């Protein structure tokens, strides 16, 4: 799984750029444009862009966007949420 280096985690750019923190559903790190719909995630992935899919919670309708996303951020759920389980593949 990709990770951020210790130096990167301590950098001003990283510290100032963090928009959310939470429980990890799986190990790893992701970088990308923040999108709010599965369609946005799929469309930008098709153009070669990396995206983070943000949802309140996930549902089966989100799966296409979840597969397209480099990372998934949910407001509800946690390590055993639907998003976490799908992210682990």
Protein backbone atom coordinates (compact mmCIF):
# COMPACT_ATOMS: atom_id res chain seq x y z
CA UNK A 1 0.00 0.00 0.00
CA UNK A 2 1.27 3.51 -0.74
CA UNK A 3 2.22 5.63 2.26
CA UNK A 4 3.34 9.19 2.98
CA UNK A 5 6.92 9.61 4.19
CA UNK A 6 7.55 10.93 7.70
CA UNK A 7 9.11 14.05 6.14
CA UNK A 8 6.00 14.67 4.05
CA UNK A 9 3.72 14.27 7.08
CA UNK A 10 5.73 16.88 8.98
CA UNK A 11 5.86 19.40 6.10
CA UNK A 12 3.99 22.71 6.23
CA UNK A 13 2.31 21.93 2.90
CA UNK A 14 0.83 18.72 4.31
CA UNK A 15 -0.14 20.17 7.68
CA UNK A 16 -1.85 23.21 6.12
CA UNK A 17 -3.51 21.11 3.39
CA UNK A 18 -5.27 18.55 5.60
CA UNK A 19 -9.05 18.98 5.26
CA UNK A 20 -10.24 15.96 7.25
CA UNK A 21 -9.02 13.26 9.62
CA UNK A 22 -10.64 10.02 10.67
CA UNK A 23 -10.27 6.33 11.22
CA UNK A 24 -8.53 4.43 8.44
CA UNK A 25 -10.56 1.71 6.77
CA UNK A 26 -7.46 0.18 5.24
CA UNK A 27 -3.74 0.94 5.22
CA UNK A 28 -2.31 3.36 2.71
CA UNK A 29 -2.40 6.92 1.48
CA UNK A 30 -4.10 8.67 -1.40
CA UNK A 31 -3.85 12.01 -3.18
CA UNK A 32 -6.34 13.45 -5.63
CA UNK A 33 -9.00 15.99 -6.44
CA UNK A 34 -11.92 15.93 -4.04
CA UNK A 35 -15.19 14.91 -5.73
CA UNK A 36 -18.65 14.41 -4.30
CA UNK A 37 -20.40 12.05 -6.72
CA UNK A 38 -19.51 8.65 -8.15
CA UNK A 39 -20.04 10.04 -11.66
CA UNK A 40 -17.48 12.81 -11.06
CA UNK A 41 -15.01 10.19 -9.84
CA UNK A 42 -15.53 7.98 -12.88
CA UNK A 43 -15.39 10.89 -15.36
CA UNK A 44 -12.15 12.34 -13.96
CA UNK A 45 -10.54 8.88 -13.65
CA UNK A 46 -11.33 8.35 -17.35
CA UNK A 47 -9.38 11.56 -18.05
CA UNK A 48 -6.40 10.21 -16.11
CA UNK A 49 -6.93 12.23 -12.94
CA UNK A 50 -6.61 10.92 -9.39
CA UNK A 51 -9.64 11.58 -7.18
CA UNK A 52 -10.81 11.22 -3.59
CA UNK A 53 -14.54 10.40 -3.39
CA UNK A 54 -16.24 12.12 -0.43
CA UNK A 55 -19.66 10.87 0.67
CA UNK A 56 -21.74 11.13 3.85
CA UNK A 57 -21.92 7.36 3.77
CA UNK A 58 -21.60 4.91 0.89
CA UNK A 59 -24.20 2.77 -0.82
CA UNK A 60 -24.16 0.16 -3.59
CA UNK A 61 -24.79 2.94 -6.16
CA UNK A 62 -21.37 4.39 -5.27
CA UNK A 63 -19.32 1.32 -6.20
CA UNK A 64 -18.28 2.56 -9.67
CA UNK A 65 -17.00 5.79 -8.16
CA UNK A 66 -15.34 3.91 -5.33
CA UNK A 67 -13.37 1.77 -7.78
CA UNK A 68 -12.41 4.89 -9.76
CA UNK A 69 -11.22 6.77 -6.66
CA UNK A 70 -7.72 6.65 -5.21
CA UNK A 71 -9.34 7.10 -1.79
CA UNK A 72 -12.75 7.28 -0.16
CA UNK A 73 -13.70 9.69 2.63
CA UNK A 74 -16.98 9.24 4.50
CA UNK A 75 -18.54 11.39 7.21
CA UNK A 76 -20.13 8.36 8.85
CA UNK A 77 -18.88 4.85 9.24
CA UNK A 78 -15.50 3.61 10.27
CA UNK A 79 -13.14 0.72 9.97
CA UNK A 80 -15.96 -1.76 9.30
CA UNK A 81 -18.10 0.51 7.12
CA UNK A 82 -19.17 -0.45 3.61
CA UNK A 83 -16.56 1.90 2.12
CA UNK A 84 -13.80 0.35 4.20
CA UNK A 85 -14.76 -3.17 3.21
CA UNK A 86 -14.92 -2.30 -0.51
CA UNK A 87 -11.63 -0.35 -0.30
CA UNK A 88 -9.88 -3.44 1.04
CA UNK A 89 -11.02 -5.18 -2.17
